[in-house]
Amino acid sequence: MEFLDLVKEHFFGYNSFFYLRNIIEVTFFTIIIYYFSKWLSSDKKKNLLLYFYSYSFILLAAHYLQLTTISYFLFLFSPVAVMLFILFHQTTLQKNFITLKNIVPEKIVQSDWPQEIIRSFLFALNNNKTIYCAIEKNDNLFDYIKSPLILNADIEHDLINILHESDTFNQNKIIWINTHGQIIGINGSWTGSFLENSAVESQDAGIIFKKHAVLLSAKTDALFFSITPMQRKFDVIFKGDVFNNINSDSIINIIKKYAKSKSNEKTNLSEKLKEEFLNERTNNSFKPHQKQ
C-alpha cells in the first residue's frame, strides 16, 4: 500500500505536473535529434553524422566536467553549428539552392544541334572512336564532372571533327554538352567516385561510365549516352534507367524532345521520355538499322 501511495503521489500528486513536463520536453528533443541524425546520415558524400555526434559528446563532456567557459561557448555556438550542418548537406546543396541551377541568358539556340552532334559522333565512330557524352539541362554538373578543356563553344560539325582528330582528345573521357547547343568541355572525368573503389578498379571505361551515369541521372535531369565501334548503336541513360540499341534517328528525336521540354515539366518529361525510349526500342527490334 505504501508503494502504491508513493506511485500515486508521484504521478498524480503535487509533483506530477513537473514530472510530465520533463517527459514531454525530453521526448520532444529526442524526436528532433533522431530525425536530424537520420537526415544527416542520408548524405553519403560527407560523414556529417560523425561530426554531429562528436560535437554533442564534447558539449556533454564539458558540462559534466564543469568546464564552464567551454560549455558556455559550445552552447552559444550550437545554432551556428546546426546551420553549418544544413549548408554542407549534399542533398540541400543539390536540390534547394538556386545557385546550383544553370542561369543562362536568353539566346537563339541552333535548332539543328542534335543532328550536328550525332552526325559528328557517327563520323568519329567510323574512325574507330568510342564516344561517352553527358547532356546538361537545368541541374549543374560541375560538382560531378571536371574537364581540363572548358570550351563553352557552339556545337558545329567541323569543330567537333577537329576535336575528335586532335591528339588531345581522349575517347575514354566524357564529352560534356548542354541543351543550349554548346560544348562545355571535352576529356571530362568524374570528380569523385560514387561507387566503391574496389568495385570499379577492375572494370573498363564503358562500365564505369554507365554505373556513374545511372546514379547521377537518378539525382539530376541530365541525359547520358555512349556508342562504341563494336556496337554501333547508342546506349542511353536517363532517370536511372538504361536503354540499349537506340539508332541514330531515334536518339536525335529523343534529344530534341529532351532539350525543348520546360523545367516545370520535369516529372511529366521523365515519363514521356521513358515511354519514347521504350517505343523506339520496340520499333528497332523489328526494323533493321539503316546505314548512315
Protein backbone atom coordinates (compact mmCIF):
# COMPACT_ATOMS: atom_id res chain seq x y z
CA MET A 1 0.00 0.00 0.00
CA GLU A 2 2.82 2.39 0.81
CA PHE A 3 4.37 1.68 -2.59
CA LEU A 4 1.06 2.34 -4.37
CA ASP A 5 0.60 5.55 -2.41
CA LEU A 6 4.11 6.60 -3.39
CA VAL A 7 3.42 5.90 -7.07
CA LYS A 8 0.08 7.71 -6.87
CA GLU A 9 1.70 10.72 -5.26
CA HIS A 10 4.47 10.72 -7.84
CA PHE A 11 2.20 10.59 -10.90
CA PHE A 12 -0.93 12.34 -9.67
CA GLY A 13 0.27 14.42 -6.75
CA TYR A 14 1.86 17.83 -6.45
CA ASN A 15 4.98 16.90 -8.44
CA SER A 16 3.10 15.19 -11.28
CA PHE A 17 2.94 18.36 -13.35
CA PHE A 18 6.71 18.82 -13.26
CA TYR A 19 7.28 15.12 -13.97
CA LEU A 20 5.02 15.10 -17.05
CA ARG A 21 6.56 18.34 -18.25
CA ASN A 22 10.02 16.77 -18.14
CA ILE A 23 8.77 13.74 -20.08
CA ILE A 24 7.27 15.96 -22.78
CA GLU A 25 10.43 18.05 -23.10
CA VAL A 26 12.74 15.04 -23.24
CA THR A 27 10.51 13.34 -25.82
CA PHE A 28 10.36 16.50 -27.93
CA PHE A 29 14.13 16.94 -28.13
CA THR A 30 14.71 13.21 -28.60
CA ILE A 31 12.47 13.19 -31.68
CA ILE A 32 14.20 16.27 -33.11
CA ILE A 33 17.69 14.80 -32.57
CA TYR A 34 16.62 11.44 -34.03
CA TYR A 35 15.22 12.84 -37.27
CA PHE A 36 18.06 15.33 -37.64
CA SER A 37 20.57 12.49 -37.25
CA LYS A 38 18.65 10.38 -39.75
CA TRP A 39 18.68 13.26 -42.22
CA LEU A 40 22.44 13.78 -41.79
CA SER A 41 23.11 10.07 -42.31
CA SER A 42 21.50 10.25 -45.79
CA ASP A 43 24.47 12.29 -47.00
CA LYS A 44 26.84 9.65 -48.37
CA LYS A 45 29.39 12.16 -49.61
CA LYS A 46 30.31 13.67 -46.25
CA ASN A 47 30.18 11.95 -42.85
CA LEU A 48 28.23 14.74 -41.16
CA LEU A 49 26.64 12.41 -38.61
CA LEU A 50 30.02 11.66 -37.04
CA TYR A 51 30.75 15.39 -36.67
CA PHE A 52 27.32 15.94 -35.11
CA TYR A 53 27.83 13.18 -32.55
CA SER A 54 31.35 14.45 -31.80
CA TYR A 55 30.06 17.97 -31.18
CA SER A 56 27.30 16.64 -28.90
CA PHE A 57 29.76 14.45 -26.98
CA ILE A 58 32.17 17.36 -26.40
CA LEU A 59 29.29 19.56 -25.24
CA LEU A 60 28.07 16.95 -22.72
CA ALA A 61 31.61 16.18 -21.54
CA ALA A 62 32.34 19.87 -20.95
CA HIS A 63 29.11 20.19 -18.98
CA TYR A 64 29.73 17.20 -16.71
CA LEU A 65 33.40 18.10 -16.21
CA GLN A 66 32.23 21.59 -15.22
CA LEU A 67 34.31 23.31 -17.90
CA THR A 68 32.11 26.36 -17.72
CA THR A 69 33.75 28.51 -20.39
CA ILE A 70 33.91 25.73 -22.99
CA SER A 71 30.42 24.54 -22.19
CA TYR A 72 29.01 28.05 -22.45
CA PHE A 73 30.81 28.69 -25.75
CA LEU A 74 29.63 25.41 -27.33
CA PHE A 75 26.08 26.05 -26.17
CA LEU A 76 26.02 29.53 -27.72
CA PHE A 77 27.68 28.26 -30.91
CA SER A 78 25.22 25.35 -31.34
CA PRO A 79 22.74 27.27 -33.59
CA VAL A 80 25.62 28.19 -35.90
CA ALA A 81 26.79 24.56 -35.91
CA VAL A 82 23.31 23.35 -36.89
CA MET A 83 23.20 25.86 -39.75
CA LEU A 84 26.60 24.66 -40.97
CA PHE A 85 25.38 21.07 -40.97
CA ILE A 86 22.39 22.11 -43.08
CA LEU A 87 24.54 24.12 -45.50
CA PHE A 88 27.04 21.32 -46.04
CA HIS A 89 24.40 18.65 -46.52
CA GLN A 90 24.74 17.18 -50.01
CA THR A 91 21.04 16.97 -50.83
CA THR A 92 20.45 20.58 -49.77
CA LEU A 93 23.26 21.79 -51.99
CA GLN A 94 21.99 19.80 -54.96
CA LYS A 95 18.29 20.50 -54.80
CA ASN A 96 17.45 23.58 -52.74
CA PHE A 97 20.00 26.25 -53.65
CA ILE A 98 19.25 28.18 -56.79
CA THR A 99 22.95 28.96 -57.18
CA LEU A 100 23.49 25.40 -58.39
CA LYS A 101 20.99 25.85 -61.20
CA ASN A 102 22.11 26.97 -64.61
CA ILE A 103 21.09 30.58 -65.17
CA VAL A 104 21.62 31.17 -68.86
CA PRO A 105 20.60 34.42 -70.58
CA GLU A 106 18.05 34.04 -73.32
CA LYS A 107 19.71 33.46 -76.66
CA ILE A 108 18.99 31.99 -80.06
CA VAL A 109 19.72 28.27 -79.90
CA GLN A 110 20.55 26.33 -83.02
CA SER A 111 17.63 24.01 -83.60
CA ASP A 112 19.72 21.53 -85.58
CA TRP A 113 22.44 20.93 -82.99
CA PRO A 114 21.21 17.38 -82.16
CA GLN A 115 21.72 16.38 -85.81
CA GLU A 116 25.14 18.02 -85.84
CA ILE A 117 26.35 16.31 -82.69
CA ILE A 118 25.08 12.85 -83.66
CA ARG A 119 26.43 13.17 -87.21
CA SER A 120 29.83 14.14 -85.83
CA PHE A 121 29.76 11.22 -83.40
CA LEU A 122 28.99 8.82 -86.25
CA PHE A 123 31.90 10.28 -88.19
CA ALA A 124 34.16 9.65 -85.21
CA LEU A 125 32.69 6.15 -84.90
CA ASN A 126 33.81 5.37 -88.45
CA ASN A 127 37.32 6.28 -87.30
CA ASN A 128 37.06 3.68 -84.51
CA LYS A 129 36.46 6.27 -81.77
CA THR A 130 34.34 5.48 -78.72
CA ILE A 131 32.02 8.25 -77.53
CA TYR A 132 30.81 8.98 -73.99
CA CYS A 133 28.56 12.03 -73.75
CA ALA A 134 26.73 13.90 -70.98
CA ILE A 135 23.97 16.40 -71.79
CA GLU A 136 23.34 19.00 -69.10
CA LYS A 137 19.94 20.66 -68.78
CA ASN A 138 18.86 22.58 -65.64
CA ASP A 139 20.88 20.77 -62.96
CA ASN A 140 24.52 21.87 -62.95
CA LEU A 141 27.05 19.04 -63.36
CA PHE A 142 30.16 20.96 -62.26
CA ASP A 143 30.06 19.15 -58.92
CA TYR A 144 30.32 15.77 -60.66
CA ILE A 145 32.28 16.25 -63.90
CA LYS A 146 35.59 18.05 -64.33
CA SER A 147 37.14 18.90 -67.68
CA PRO A 148 40.68 20.12 -68.36
CA LEU A 149 39.43 21.75 -71.59
CA ILE A 150 36.46 24.06 -70.95
CA LEU A 151 35.23 25.38 -74.31
CA ASN A 152 31.68 26.78 -73.95
CA ALA A 153 31.56 26.85 -77.76
CA ASP A 154 28.56 26.41 -80.05
CA ILE A 155 28.15 22.91 -81.45
CA GLU A 156 29.37 22.77 -85.04
CA HIS A 157 30.17 19.75 -87.16
CA ASP A 158 33.64 20.98 -88.18
CA LEU A 159 34.58 21.92 -84.61
CA ILE A 160 33.67 18.50 -83.25
CA ASN A 161 35.58 16.75 -86.03
CA ILE A 162 38.67 18.83 -85.24
CA LEU A 163 38.37 17.88 -81.57
CA HIS A 164 37.99 14.17 -82.41
CA GLU A 165 41.02 14.20 -84.68
CA SER A 166 43.25 16.16 -82.31
CA ASP A 167 45.90 14.47 -80.18
CA THR A 168 44.39 15.94 -77.03
CA PHE A 169 41.09 14.06 -77.45
CA ASN A 170 40.72 11.06 -75.13
CA GLN A 171 37.98 8.67 -76.24
CA ASN A 172 37.76 7.15 -72.75
CA LYS A 173 36.71 10.52 -71.31
CA ILE A 174 33.38 12.38 -71.42
CA ILE A 175 32.19 14.93 -73.98
CA TRP A 176 30.15 17.43 -71.97
CA ILE A 177 27.45 19.45 -73.74
CA ASN A 178 24.24 21.26 -72.77
CA THR A 179 20.76 21.71 -74.21
CA HIS A 180 21.63 25.24 -75.37
CA GLY A 181 23.69 23.77 -78.18
CA GLN A 182 27.09 24.30 -76.57
CA ILE A 183 30.09 22.10 -75.93
CA ILE A 184 31.03 22.78 -72.32
CA GLY A 185 34.18 20.69 -72.35
CA ILE A 186 35.92 17.53 -73.53
CA ASN A 187 38.02 14.87 -71.81
CA GLY A 188 35.70 15.11 -68.80
CA SER A 189 36.05 12.79 -65.83
CA TRP A 190 34.12 12.16 -62.64
CA THR A 191 35.12 14.45 -59.77
CA GLY A 192 34.71 11.60 -57.29
CA SER A 193 33.61 8.02 -57.49
CA PHE A 194 30.02 7.43 -56.43
CA LEU A 195 30.89 3.75 -56.25
CA GLU A 196 33.26 1.84 -54.04
CA ASN A 197 36.82 1.96 -55.40
CA SER A 198 37.06 -1.81 -55.24
CA ALA A 199 34.00 -2.08 -57.47
CA VAL A 200 35.44 -0.01 -60.32
CA GLU A 201 39.16 -0.81 -60.35
CA SER A 202 38.76 -3.93 -62.50
CA GLN A 203 36.15 -2.51 -64.88
CA ASP A 204 36.64 -0.76 -68.22
CA ALA A 205 35.67 2.82 -69.03
CA GLY A 206 32.30 1.87 -70.55
CA ILE A 207 31.06 0.02 -67.48
CA ILE A 208 32.29 2.75 -65.14
CA PHE A 209 30.59 5.42 -67.28
CA LYS A 210 27.26 3.59 -67.24
CA LYS A 211 27.29 2.93 -63.50
CA HIS A 212 28.11 6.54 -62.66
CA ALA A 213 25.59 7.81 -65.22
CA VAL A 214 22.81 5.66 -63.76
CA LEU A 215 23.38 7.07 -60.26
CA LEU A 216 23.79 10.67 -61.41
CA SER A 217 20.83 10.63 -63.80
CA ALA A 218 18.61 9.45 -60.95
CA LYS A 219 19.50 12.61 -58.97
CA THR A 220 19.57 15.17 -61.80
CA ASP A 221 17.81 15.87 -65.09
CA ALA A 222 20.94 15.11 -67.14
CA LEU A 223 20.94 12.65 -70.04
CA PHE A 224 23.89 10.37 -70.85
CA PHE A 225 24.67 8.18 -73.83
CA SER A 226 27.54 6.19 -75.33
CA ILE A 227 28.41 4.39 -78.55
CA THR A 228 31.30 2.10 -79.48
CA PRO A 229 32.72 0.90 -82.83
CA MET A 230 31.83 -2.67 -81.92
CA GLN A 231 28.21 -1.97 -81.01
CA ARG A 232 27.39 0.88 -83.45
CA LYS A 233 24.15 1.74 -81.64
CA PHE A 234 23.56 4.11 -78.78
CA ASP A 235 23.08 3.21 -75.12
CA VAL A 236 21.11 5.95 -73.36
CA ILE A 237 20.87 6.55 -69.60
CA PHE A 238 18.07 8.74 -68.25
CA LYS A 239 16.43 8.96 -64.81
CA GLY A 240 18.31 5.90 -63.57
CA ASP A 241 17.26 3.67 -66.48
CA VAL A 242 19.41 2.27 -69.30
CA PHE A 243 18.02 1.97 -72.84
CA ASN A 244 20.12 -0.08 -75.25
CA ASN A 245 20.38 -0.32 -79.03
CA ILE A 246 18.93 3.07 -79.96
CA ASN A 247 19.62 4.05 -83.58
CA SER A 248 20.76 7.49 -84.72
CA ASP A 249 17.37 8.75 -85.95
CA SER A 250 15.70 7.76 -82.71
CA ILE A 251 18.25 9.39 -80.45
CA ILE A 252 18.05 12.64 -82.44
CA ASN A 253 14.28 12.74 -81.84
CA ILE A 254 14.77 11.94 -78.17
CA ILE A 255 17.38 14.68 -77.68
CA LYS A 256 15.14 17.23 -79.43
CA LYS A 257 12.21 16.46 -77.12
CA TYR A 258 14.51 16.44 -74.10
CA ALA A 259 16.03 19.83 -75.00
CA LYS A 260 12.71 21.55 -75.77
CA SER A 261 10.96 20.47 -72.59
CA LYS A 262 10.42 23.10 -69.90
CA SER A 263 11.86 22.84 -66.40
CA ASN A 264 8.40 22.80 -64.79
CA GLU A 265 7.54 19.70 -66.85
CA LYS A 266 10.33 17.66 -65.31
CA THR A 267 8.13 14.95 -63.80
CA ASN A 268 5.97 14.51 -66.89
CA LEU A 269 9.03 14.69 -69.11
CA SER A 270 10.62 11.76 -67.32
CA GLU A 271 7.63 9.53 -68.00
CA LYS A 272 7.22 10.76 -71.59
CA LEU A 273 10.85 10.17 -72.49
CA LYS A 274 10.88 6.75 -70.88
CA GLU A 275 7.80 5.84 -72.93
CA GLU A 276 9.51 7.23 -76.03
CA PHE A 277 12.60 5.16 -75.35
CA LEU A 278 10.53 2.02 -74.97
CA ASN A 279 8.65 2.73 -78.20
CA GLU A 280 11.86 3.37 -80.11
CA ARG A 281 13.45 0.23 -78.71
CA THR A 282 10.40 -1.82 -79.71
CA ASN A 283 10.44 -0.36 -83.22
CA ASN A 284 14.15 -1.00 -83.55
CA SER A 285 13.68 -4.66 -82.72
CA PHE A 286 11.50 -5.06 -85.83
CA LYS A 287 13.23 -2.54 -88.12
CA PRO A 288 16.85 -3.02 -89.25
CA HIS A 289 19.27 -0.20 -88.53
CA GLN A 290 19.83 1.93 -91.63
CA LYS A 291 23.40 2.63 -92.56
CA GLN A 292 24.48 6.19 -92.20
